[in-house]
Structures are given as structure tokens and as C-alpha cells.
Protein backbone atom coordinates (compact mmCIF):
# COMPACT_ATOMS: atom_id res chain seq x y z
CA UNK A 1 -52.13 41.01 -7.28
CA UNK A 2 -52.87 44.01 -5.06
CA UNK A 3 -51.19 42.98 -1.81
CA UNK A 4 -51.79 46.38 -0.20
CA UNK A 5 -55.54 45.70 -0.10
CA UNK A 6 -55.21 42.28 1.53
CA UNK A 7 -55.56 41.65 5.26
CA UNK A 8 -52.66 40.10 7.18
CA UNK A 9 -54.55 36.79 7.27
CA UNK A 10 -55.09 36.88 3.50
CA UNK A 11 -51.40 37.69 2.96
CA UNK A 12 -50.38 34.75 5.18
CA UNK A 13 -52.63 32.42 3.20
CA UNK A 14 -51.21 33.72 -0.10
CA UNK A 15 -47.65 33.26 1.15
CA UNK A 16 -48.46 29.73 2.33
CA UNK A 17 -49.95 28.92 -1.06
CA UNK A 18 -46.80 30.13 -2.81
CA UNK A 19 -44.59 28.08 -0.48
CA UNK A 20 -46.73 25.01 -1.21
CA UNK A 21 -46.50 25.63 -4.98
CA UNK A 22 -42.70 25.89 -4.74
CA UNK A 23 -42.46 22.73 -2.63
CA UNK A 24 -44.55 20.81 -5.14
CA UNK A 25 -42.55 22.20 -8.07
CA UNK A 26 -39.38 20.90 -6.42
CA UNK A 27 -41.02 17.49 -5.92
CA UNK A 28 -40.91 17.52 -2.11
CA UNK A 29 -43.67 16.25 0.11
CA UNK A 30 -44.27 18.07 3.40
CA UNK A 31 -42.25 15.55 5.40
CA UNK A 32 -39.24 15.84 3.10
CA UNK A 33 -39.30 19.64 3.21
CA UNK A 34 -39.63 19.51 7.00
CA UNK A 35 -36.56 17.27 7.22
CA UNK A 36 -34.55 19.54 4.90
CA UNK A 37 -35.55 22.62 6.90
CA UNK A 38 -35.03 20.98 10.28
CA UNK A 39 -38.62 21.60 11.38
CA UNK A 40 -41.63 19.39 11.98
CA UNK A 41 -44.09 18.47 9.26
CA UNK A 42 -46.75 20.18 11.39
CA UNK A 43 -44.78 23.43 10.97
CA UNK A 44 -44.85 23.03 7.19
CA UNK A 45 -48.61 22.36 7.26
CA UNK A 46 -49.13 25.46 9.40
CA UNK A 47 -47.01 27.68 7.14
CA UNK A 48 -48.73 26.44 4.01
CA UNK A 49 -52.10 26.99 5.68
CA UNK A 50 -51.28 30.60 6.45
CA UNK A 51 -50.77 30.11 10.17
CA UNK A 52 -48.07 31.94 12.09
CA UNK A 53 -44.44 31.02 12.42
CA UNK A 54 -41.26 32.50 13.78
CA UNK A 55 -38.92 34.40 11.49
CA UNK A 56 -36.25 31.80 12.25
CA UNK A 57 -38.49 28.94 11.12
CA UNK A 58 -39.68 30.84 8.07
CA UNK A 59 -36.08 31.48 7.00
CA UNK A 60 -35.21 27.80 7.47
CA UNK A 61 -38.05 26.86 5.11
CA UNK A 62 -37.06 29.53 2.57
CA UNK A 63 -33.50 28.19 2.61
CA UNK A 64 -34.71 24.61 2.10
CA UNK A 65 -36.82 25.80 -0.86
CA UNK A 66 -33.85 27.77 -2.29
CA UNK A 67 -35.79 31.05 -2.02
CA UNK A 68 -33.32 33.20 -0.08
CA UNK A 69 -32.59 35.35 -3.15
CA UNK A 70 -36.11 36.74 -2.73
CA UNK A 71 -35.01 38.48 0.46
CA UNK A 72 -33.25 41.12 -1.64
CA UNK A 73 -36.56 42.05 -3.22
CA UNK A 74 -38.39 41.79 0.09
CA UNK A 75 -36.06 44.10 2.00
CA UNK A 76 -33.60 45.83 -0.35
CA UNK A 77 -30.66 47.68 1.11
CA UNK A 78 -30.85 51.45 0.64
CA UNK A 79 -28.50 52.64 -2.09
CA UNK A 80 -27.95 55.97 -0.35
CA UNK A 81 -27.33 56.40 3.35
CA UNK A 82 -30.25 58.53 4.65
CA UNK A 83 -28.07 60.00 7.40
CA UNK A 84 -25.53 61.16 4.82
CA UNK A 85 -28.30 63.04 3.05
CA UNK A 86 -29.14 64.91 6.24
CA UNK A 87 -25.54 66.03 6.71
CA UNK A 88 -25.02 66.94 3.07
CA UNK A 89 -25.41 70.63 2.24
CA UNK A 90 -27.89 71.58 -0.40
CA UNK A 91 -27.11 73.84 -3.38
CA UNK A 92 -26.37 77.49 -2.69
CA UNK A 93 -29.45 79.64 -3.00
CA UNK A 94 -27.75 83.08 -2.95
CA UNK A 95 -24.37 84.72 -2.94
CA UNK A 96 -23.42 87.43 -0.46
CA UNK A 97 -21.07 90.24 -1.22
CA UNK A 98 -17.75 90.19 0.53
CA UNK A 99 -17.17 92.95 3.05
CA UNK A 100 -14.57 95.60 2.33
CA UNK A 101 -12.01 95.96 5.07
CA UNK A 102 -12.35 94.63 8.56
CA UNK A 103 -14.70 97.27 9.99
CA UNK A 104 -17.83 96.20 8.17
CA UNK A 105 -17.90 99.15 5.73
């Protein structure tokens, strides 16, 4: 699926559909998932319908659906520190001759 061509509303609906599919696969109804996540069943209906939610609520639902491992794919940690790359010197591009004596000749 080409997510980059979808609008934010379409992405929210797709995410809600996937959450609903996972809930059903686990055999939970909306009320049971709401109880496990500590949210209202209205919140579950809204999420599954592609309506907004807070990050806190979304994470509670992901945890209840045992989907937290997906966060690694969603926001992977950088393997190299970008700031370290800025400080690191690049390869030498030329070599200068050493001066003879201390007077520059």
C-alpha cells in the first residue's frame, strides 16, 4: 500500500481498520478492549473509525492489543549519532610538505 499518497484522513481510517482487525483476531469486542486499555468504548469506536485520539490513549490501545513491538518499526532509533558524524573528521584529501627549519625556508 502506498501510504505516502494517502491523506491524513485516509491514513487514520486505514490505521483504525488495522486496529479493528487486530482486536477481532484477538477475540475482543470493543467494550473488552476498552476495559483492557482503560479507555471508554466510545474511544475505541472513534479510533477504529479513523477519528482523532491522543498519543497517550493510542499507546494504551496498542499495549492492550500487544502491538508495542511495532513502535520499533514506526520510529527506529538511529544507529549512528548524527552529531558524532558532524564532529568526525573526513579522510585526508592532500598531504603538505613539512617545513625545513623554523624560519619557513
